[in-house]
Each structure stands twice: as C-alpha cells, then as structure tokens.
C-alpha cells in the first residue's frame, strides 16, 4: 500500500474543506461585503499554498539529512 506524503495530504484536505465551506456558506452570508468574502477565501488558499511549500521543504531537508547520515555510516 502506497503511503502518501504529509505535504500532499494535509494541504489537499484543507483545500477541499475550504472550497466546500466557501461554496456552502459564502452565498448565504449577508453580513460581509462581497470583496471581504472573496479576500477571506483567497487568503485561505494562500495560507494553504504556504503550508504545502513549508511541508515540502521540511520533507526535502529530512531526506537530505537521512542521505548524509547514510553516507557517513557507509564510510
């Protein structure tokens, strides 16, 4: 069974959740202005993209450290 990376699963789940919440609740919300609604959704997507980037970099650094440790132990 293939194991998915955390940098893929978490942002994807948050993206789906944010999209569903936006589709369900933004048209019904009349307390906020239109621009405010879309800025909120856009900011959520930017945060999700940043999360994806940070998790990807973290996994790359961990893989690099693992490879360096393997190289040192082989010598």
PDB file of N, CA and C in Angstrom:
ATOM      1  N   UNK A   1       0.830  -1.178   0.000  1.00  0.00           N
ATOM      2  CA  UNK A   1       0.000   0.000   0.000  1.00  0.00           C
ATOM      3  C   UNK A   1       0.880   1.249   0.000  1.00  0.00           C
ATOM      4  N   UNK A   2       0.590   2.175  -0.892  1.00  0.00           N
ATOM      5  CA  UNK A   2       1.401   3.368  -1.018  1.00  0.00           C
ATOM      6  C   UNK A   2       1.067   4.358   0.090  1.00  0.00           C
ATOM      7  N   UNK A   3       2.093   4.896   0.693  1.00  0.00           N
ATOM      8  CA  UNK A   3       1.908   5.895   1.743  1.00  0.00           C
ATOM      9  C   UNK A   3       2.077   7.280   1.132  1.00  0.00           C
ATOM     10  N   UNK A   4       1.100   8.132   1.356  1.00  0.00           N
ATOM     11  CA  UNK A   4       1.141   9.482   0.809  1.00  0.00           C
ATOM     12  C   UNK A   4       1.910  10.406   1.736  1.00  0.00           C
ATOM     13  N   UNK A   5       2.578  11.388   1.152  1.00  0.00           N
ATOM     14  CA  UNK A   5       3.360  12.324   1.938  1.00  0.00           C
ATOM     15  C   UNK A   5       2.453  13.321   2.643  1.00  0.00           C
ATOM     16  N   UNK A   6       2.908  13.755   3.801  1.00  0.00           N
ATOM     17  CA  UNK A   6       2.161  14.726   4.588  1.00  0.00           C
ATOM     18  C   UNK A   6       2.011  16.040   3.828  1.00  0.00           C
ATOM     19  N   UNK A   7       3.019  16.378   2.996  1.00  0.00           N
ATOM     20  CA  UNK A   7       2.972  17.630   2.255  1.00  0.00           C
ATOM     21  C   UNK A   7       1.919  17.607   1.157  1.00  0.00           C
ATOM     22  N   UNK A   8       1.372  16.458   0.852  1.00  0.00           N
ATOM     23  CA  UNK A   8       0.314  16.349  -0.151  1.00  0.00           C
ATOM     24  C   UNK A   8      -1.053  16.217   0.528  1.00  0.00           C
ATOM     25  N   UNK A   9      -1.137  15.378   1.540  1.00  0.00           N
ATOM     26  CA  UNK A   9      -2.424  15.047   2.160  1.00  0.00           C
ATOM     27  C   UNK A   9      -3.021  16.233   2.912  1.00  0.00           C
ATOM     28  N   UNK A  10      -2.242  16.872   3.767  1.00  0.00           N
ATOM     29  CA  UNK A  10      -2.789  17.955   4.591  1.00  0.00           C
ATOM     30  C   UNK A  10      -3.262  19.147   3.764  1.00  0.00           C
ATOM     31  N   UNK A  11      -2.437  19.684   2.857  1.00  0.00           N
ATOM     32  CA  UNK A  11      -2.930  20.810   2.062  1.00  0.00           C
ATOM     33  C   UNK A  11      -4.114  20.432   1.172  1.00  0.00           C
ATOM     34  N   UNK A  12      -4.116  19.224   0.639  1.00  0.00           N
ATOM     35  CA  UNK A  12      -5.235  18.798  -0.194  1.00  0.00           C
ATOM     36  C   UNK A  12      -6.523  18.727   0.620  1.00  0.00           C
ATOM     37  N   UNK A  13      -6.444  18.174   1.823  1.00  0.00           N
ATOM     38  CA  UNK A  13      -7.624  18.094   2.682  1.00  0.00           C
ATOM     39  C   UNK A  13      -8.118  19.491   3.052  1.00  0.00           C
ATOM     40  N   UNK A  14      -7.204  20.390   3.376  1.00  0.00           N
ATOM     41  CA  UNK A  14      -7.595  21.757   3.711  1.00  0.00           C
ATOM     42  C   UNK A  14      -8.168  22.498   2.507  1.00  0.00           C
ATOM     43  N   UNK A  15      -7.616  22.235   1.319  1.00  0.00           N
ATOM     44  CA  UNK A  15      -8.133  22.855   0.101  1.00  0.00           C
ATOM     45  C   UNK A  15      -9.570  22.412  -0.168  1.00  0.00           C
ATOM     46  N   UNK A  16      -9.812  21.119  -0.040  1.00  0.00           N
ATOM     47  CA  UNK A  16     -11.164  20.592  -0.264  1.00  0.00           C
ATOM     48  C   UNK A  16     -12.119  21.158   0.780  1.00  0.00           C
ATOM     49  N   UNK A  17     -11.702  21.168   2.034  1.00  0.00           N
ATOM     50  CA  UNK A  17     -12.548  21.695   3.109  1.00  0.00           C
ATOM     51  C   UNK A  17     -12.876  23.170   2.880  1.00  0.00           C
ATOM     52  N   UNK A  18     -11.865  23.970   2.555  1.00  0.00           N
ATOM     53  CA  UNK A  18     -12.067  25.401   2.322  1.00  0.00           C
ATOM     54  C   UNK A  18     -13.001  25.637   1.149  1.00  0.00           C
ATOM     55  N   UNK A  19     -12.830  24.874   0.089  1.00  0.00           N
ATOM     56  CA  UNK A  19     -13.675  25.028  -1.089  1.00  0.00           C
ATOM     57  C   UNK A  19     -15.126  24.675  -0.775  1.00  0.00           C
ATOM     58  N   UNK A  20     -15.330  23.580  -0.062  1.00  0.00           N
ATOM     59  CA  UNK A  20     -16.701  23.177   0.292  1.00  0.00           C
ATOM     60  C   UNK A  20     -17.350  24.218   1.195  1.00  0.00           C
ATOM     61  N   UNK A  21     -16.605  24.714   2.174  1.00  0.00           N
ATOM     62  CA  UNK A  21     -17.163  25.725   3.071  1.00  0.00           C
ATOM     63  C   UNK A  21     -17.474  27.015   2.310  1.00  0.00           C
ATOM     64  N   UNK A  22     -16.624  27.385   1.377  1.00  0.00           N
ATOM     65  CA  UNK A  22     -16.867  28.598   0.588  1.00  0.00           C
ATOM     66  C   UNK A  22     -18.113  28.449  -0.274  1.00  0.00           C
ATOM     67  N   UNK A  23     -18.261  27.310  -0.898  1.00  0.00           N
ATOM     68  CA  UNK A  23     -19.427  27.078  -1.760  1.00  0.00           C
ATOM     69  C   UNK A  23     -20.715  27.025  -0.939  1.00  0.00           C
ATOM     70  N   UNK A  24     -20.651  26.427   0.221  1.00  0.00           N
ATOM     71  CA  UNK A  24     -21.865  26.284   1.047  1.00  0.00           C
ATOM     72  C   UNK A  24     -22.261  27.562   1.764  1.00  0.00           C
ATOM     73  N   UNK A  25     -21.293  28.284   2.316  1.00  0.00           N
ATOM     74  CA  UNK A  25     -21.635  29.362   3.228  1.00  0.00           C
ATOM     75  C   UNK A  25     -21.462  30.774   2.686  1.00  0.00           C
ATOM     76  N   UNK A  26     -20.626  30.991   1.706  1.00  0.00           N
ATOM     77  CA  UNK A  26     -20.431  32.356   1.210  1.00  0.00           C
ATOM     78  C   UNK A  26     -21.698  32.926   0.579  1.00  0.00           C
ATOM     79  N   UNK A  27     -22.430  32.208  -0.246  1.00  0.00           N
ATOM     80  CA  UNK A  27     -23.647  32.810  -0.812  1.00  0.00           C
ATOM     81  C   UNK A  27     -24.707  33.151   0.239  1.00  0.00           C
ATOM     82  N   UNK A  28     -24.711  32.465   1.373  1.00  0.00           N
ATOM     83  CA  UNK A  28     -25.725  32.690   2.414  1.00  0.00           C
ATOM     84  C   UNK A  28     -25.359  33.800   3.380  1.00  0.00           C
ATOM     85  N   UNK A  29     -24.089  34.177   3.408  1.00  0.00           N
ATOM     86  CA  UNK A  29     -23.620  35.174   4.366  1.00  0.00           C
ATOM     87  C   UNK A  29     -23.890  36.573   3.818  1.00  0.00           C
ATOM     88  N   UNK A  30     -24.791  37.292   4.475  1.00  0.00           N
ATOM     89  CA  UNK A  30     -25.128  38.643   4.032  1.00  0.00           C
ATOM     90  C   UNK A  30     -24.582  39.709   4.981  1.00  0.00           C
ATOM     91  N   UNK A  31     -23.819  39.287   5.981  1.00  0.00           N
ATOM     92  CA  UNK A  31     -23.252  40.230   6.941  1.00  0.00           C
ATOM     93  C   UNK A  31     -21.953  40.836   6.437  1.00  0.00           C
ATOM     94  N   UNK A  32     -21.269  40.154   5.525  1.00  0.00           N
ATOM     95  CA  UNK A  32     -19.997  40.620   4.987  1.00  0.00           C
ATOM     96  C   UNK A  32     -20.207  41.149   3.574  1.00  0.00           C
ATOM     97  N   UNK A  33     -19.328  42.046   3.167  1.00  0.00           N
ATOM     98  CA  UNK A  33     -19.363  42.537   1.803  1.00  0.00           C
ATOM     99  C   UNK A  33     -18.795  41.491   0.853  1.00  0.00           C
ATOM    100  N   UNK A  34     -19.078  41.646  -0.437  1.00  0.00           N
ATOM    101  CA  UNK A  34     -18.604  40.686  -1.440  1.00  0.00           C
ATOM    102  C   UNK A  34     -17.078  40.616  -1.486  1.00  0.00           C
ATOM    103  N   UNK A  35     -16.437  41.766  -1.456  1.00  0.00           N
ATOM    104  CA  UNK A  35     -14.970  41.788  -1.519  1.00  0.00           C
ATOM    105  C   UNK A  35     -14.380  41.094  -0.302  1.00  0.00           C
ATOM    106  N   UNK A  36     -14.935  41.355   0.851  1.00  0.00           N
ATOM    107  CA  UNK A  36     -14.456  40.751   2.089  1.00  0.00           C
ATOM    108  C   UNK A  36     -14.570  39.229   2.054  1.00  0.00           C
ATOM    109  N   UNK A  37     -15.638  38.725   1.479  1.00  0.00           N
ATOM    110  CA  UNK A  37     -15.823  37.272   1.351  1.00  0.00           C
ATOM    111  C   UNK A  37     -14.725  36.663   0.500  1.00  0.00           C
ATOM    112  N   UNK A  38     -14.479  37.251  -0.651  1.00  0.00           N
ATOM    113  CA  UNK A  38     -13.513  36.669  -1.585  1.00  0.00           C
ATOM    114  C   UNK A  38     -12.075  36.868  -1.122  1.00  0.00           C
ATOM    115  N   UNK A  39     -11.810  37.948  -0.402  1.00  0.00           N
ATOM    116  CA  UNK A  39     -10.469  38.134   0.168  1.00  0.00           C
ATOM    117  C   UNK A  39     -10.201  37.066   1.223  1.00  0.00           C
ATOM    118  N   UNK A  40     -11.200  36.750   2.009  1.00  0.00           N
ATOM    119  CA  UNK A  40     -11.061  35.710   3.036  1.00  0.00           C
ATOM    120  C   UNK A  40     -10.759  34.351   2.400  1.00  0.00           C
ATOM    121  N   UNK A  41     -11.489  34.005   1.356  1.00  0.00           N
ATOM    122  CA  UNK A  41     -11.253  32.728   0.671  1.00  0.00           C
ATOM    123  C   UNK A  41      -9.873  32.734   0.005  1.00  0.00           C
ATOM    124  N   UNK A  42      -9.526  33.837  -0.641  1.00  0.00           N
ATOM    125  CA  UNK A  42      -8.209  33.942  -1.279  1.00  0.00           C
ATOM    126  C   UNK A  42      -7.078  33.829  -0.283  1.00  0.00           C
ATOM    127  N   UNK A  43      -7.226  34.478   0.872  1.00  0.00           N
ATOM    128  CA  UNK A  43      -6.199  34.389   1.917  1.00  0.00           C
ATOM    129  C   UNK A  43      -6.078  32.951   2.430  1.00  0.00           C
ATOM    130  N   UNK A  44      -7.198  32.260   2.528  1.00  0.00           N
ATOM    131  CA  UNK A  44      -7.158  30.848   2.951  1.00  0.00           C
ATOM    132  C   UNK A  44      -6.365  30.010   1.960  1.00  0.00           C
ATOM    133  N   UNK A  45      -6.579  30.238   0.669  1.00  0.00           N
ATOM    134  CA  UNK A  45      -5.840  29.496  -0.346  1.00  0.00           C
ATOM    135  C   UNK A  45      -4.350  29.827  -0.320  1.00  0.00           C
ATOM    136  N   UNK A  46      -4.007  31.077  -0.050  1.00  0.00           N
ATOM    137  CA  UNK A  46      -2.589  31.453   0.054  1.00  0.00           C
ATOM    138  C   UNK A  46      -1.950  30.754   1.247  1.00  0.00           C
ATOM    139  N   UNK A  47      -2.649  30.699   2.367  1.00  0.00           N
ATOM    140  CA  UNK A  47      -2.124  30.014   3.553  1.00  0.00           C
ATOM    141  C   UNK A  47      -1.934  28.526   3.275  1.00  0.00           C
ATOM    142  N   UNK A  48      -2.870  27.921   2.557  1.00  0.00           N
ATOM    143  CA  UNK A  48      -2.748  26.500   2.207  1.00  0.00           C
ATOM    144  C   UNK A  48      -1.546  26.275   1.300  1.00  0.00           C
ATOM    145  N   UNK A  49      -1.330  27.183   0.343  1.00  0.00           N
ATOM    146  CA  UNK A  49      -0.167  27.070  -0.547  1.00  0.00           C
ATOM    147  C   UNK A  49       1.134  27.206   0.240  1.00  0.00           C
ATOM    148  N   UNK A  50       1.175  28.116   1.190  1.00  0.00           N
ATOM    149  CA  UNK A  50       2.364  28.264   2.034  1.00  0.00           C
ATOM    150  C   UNK A  50       2.602  27.021   2.882  1.00  0.00           C
ATOM    151  N   UNK A  51       1.548  26.448   3.408  1.00  0.00           N
ATOM    152  CA  UNK A  51       1.664  25.208   4.179  1.00  0.00           C
ATOM    153  C   UNK A  51       2.249  24.097   3.320  1.00  0.00           C
ATOM    154  N   UNK A  52       1.747  23.961   2.096  1.00  0.00           N
ATOM    155  CA  UNK A  52       2.268  22.945   1.177  1.00  0.00           C
ATOM    156  C   UNK A  52       3.758  23.162   0.938  1.00  0.00           C
ATOM    157  N   UNK A  53       4.156  24.403   0.692  1.00  0.00           N
ATOM    158  CA  UNK A  53       5.562  24.715   0.397  1.00  0.00           C
ATOM    159  C   UNK A  53       6.451  24.404   1.605  1.00  0.00           C
ATOM    160  N   UNK A  54       6.019  24.806   2.803  1.00  0.00           N
ATOM    161  CA  UNK A  54       6.814  24.577   4.013  1.00  0.00           C
ATOM    162  C   UNK A  54       6.949  23.081   4.297  1.00  0.00           C
ATOM    163  N   UNK A  55       5.858  22.334   4.184  1.00  0.00           N
ATOM    164  CA  UNK A  55       5.927  20.889   4.434  1.00  0.00           C
ATOM    165  C   UNK A  55       6.812  20.195   3.407  1.00  0.00           C
ATOM    166  N   UNK A  56       6.753  20.626   2.150  1.00  0.00           N
ATOM    167  CA  UNK A  56       7.592  20.036   1.108  1.00  0.00           C
ATOM    168  C   UNK A  56       9.068  20.292   1.401  1.00  0.00           C
ATOM    169  N   UNK A  57       9.399  21.524   1.781  1.00  0.00           N
ATOM    170  CA  UNK A  57      10.789  21.850   2.122  1.00  0.00           C
ATOM    171  C   UNK A  57      11.258  21.057   3.337  1.00  0.00           C
ATOM    172  N   UNK A  58      10.380  20.901   4.316  1.00  0.00           N
ATOM    173  CA  UNK A  58      10.727  20.140   5.523  1.00  0.00           C
ATOM    174  C   UNK A  58      11.024  18.685   5.164  1.00  0.00           C
ATOM    175  N   UNK A  59      10.207  18.084   4.296  1.00  0.00           N
ATOM    176  CA  UNK A  59      10.446  16.708   3.871  1.00  0.00           C
ATOM    177  C   UNK A  59      11.736  16.588   3.065  1.00  0.00           C
ATOM    178  N   UNK A  60      12.022  17.573   2.232  1.00  0.00           N
ATOM    179  CA  UNK A  60      13.266  17.544   1.451  1.00  0.00           C
ATOM    180  C   UNK A  60      14.479  17.637   2.370  1.00  0.00           C
ATOM    181  N   UNK A  61      14.401  18.500   3.386  1.00  0.00           N
ATOM    182  CA  UNK A  61      15.515  18.620   4.321  1.00  0.00           C
ATOM    183  C   UNK A  61      15.711  17.335   5.117  1.00  0.00           C
ATOM    184  N   UNK A  62      14.631  16.702   5.526  1.00  0.00           N
ATOM    185  CA  UNK A  62      14.736  15.439   6.264  1.00  0.00           C
ATOM    186  C   UNK A  62      15.351  14.350   5.389  1.00  0.00           C
ATOM    187  N   UNK A  63      14.954  14.302   4.126  1.00  0.00           N
ATOM    188  CA  UNK A  63      15.528  13.330   3.197  1.00  0.00           C
ATOM    189  C   UNK A  63      17.018  13.596   2.984  1.00  0.00           C
ATOM    190  N   UNK A  64      17.389  14.860   2.878  1.00  0.00           N
ATOM    191  CA  UNK A  64      18.800  15.228   2.697  1.00  0.00           C
ATOM    192  C   UNK A  64      19.623  14.810   3.917  1.00  0.00           C
ATOM    193  N   UNK A  65      19.099  15.073   5.122  1.00  0.00           N
ATOM    194  CA  UNK A  65      19.796  14.660   6.343  1.00  0.00           C
ATOM    195  C   UNK A  65      19.939  13.149   6.421  1.00  0.00           C
ATOM    196  N   UNK A  66      18.888  12.440   6.029  1.00  0.00           N
ATOM    197  CA  UNK A  66      18.927  10.980   6.041  1.00  0.00           C
ATOM    198  C   UNK A  66      19.994  10.456   5.085  1.00  0.00           C
ATOM    199  N   UNK A  67      20.077  11.049   3.902  1.00  0.00           N
ATOM    200  CA  UNK A  67      21.089  10.638   2.931  1.00  0.00           C
ATOM    201  C   UNK A  67      22.495  10.943   3.440  1.00  0.00           C
ATOM    202  N   UNK A  68      22.685  12.096   4.089  1.00  0.00           N
ATOM    203  CA  UNK A  68      24.005  12.440   4.634  1.00  0.00           C
ATOM    204  C   UNK A  68      24.406  11.470   5.734  1.00  0.00           C
ATOM    205  N   UNK A  69      23.454  11.093   6.567  1.00  0.00           N
ATOM    206  CA  UNK A  69      23.766  10.132   7.640  1.00  0.00           C
ATOM    207  C   UNK A  69      24.123   8.765   7.065  1.00  0.00           C
ATOM    208  N   UNK A  70      23.443   8.357   6.006  1.00  0.00           N
ATOM    209  CA  UNK A  70      23.751   7.089   5.363  1.00  0.00           C
ATOM    210  C   UNK A  70      25.136   7.123   4.729  1.00  0.00           C
ATOM    211  N   UNK A  71      25.505   8.243   4.122  1.00  0.00           N
ATOM    212  CA  UNK A  71      26.818   8.376   3.512  1.00  0.00           C
ATOM    213  C   UNK A  71      27.928   8.333   4.568  1.00  0.00           C
ATOM    214  N   UNK A  72      27.691   8.960   5.707  1.00  0.00           N
ATOM    215  CA  UNK A  72      28.680   8.955   6.784  1.00  0.00           C
ATOM    216  C   UNK A  72      28.837   7.569   7.391  1.00  0.00           C
ATOM    217  N   UNK A  73      27.749   6.821   7.502  1.00  0.00           N
ATOM    218  CA  UNK A  73      27.827   5.497   8.100  1.00  0.00           C
ATOM    219  C   UNK A  73      28.448   4.488   7.122  1.00  0.00           C
ATOM    220  N   UNK A  74      28.366   4.744   5.816  1.00  0.00           N
ATOM    221  CA  UNK A  74      28.961   3.866   4.814  1.00  0.00           C
ATOM    222  C   UNK A  74      30.479   3.994   4.775  1.00  0.00           C
ATOM    223  N   UNK A  75      31.014   5.102   5.215  1.00  0.00           N
ATOM    224  CA  UNK A  75      32.463   5.331   5.131  1.00  0.00           C
ATOM    225  C   UNK A  75      33.195   4.625   6.220  1.00  0.00           C
TER     226      UNK A  75
END
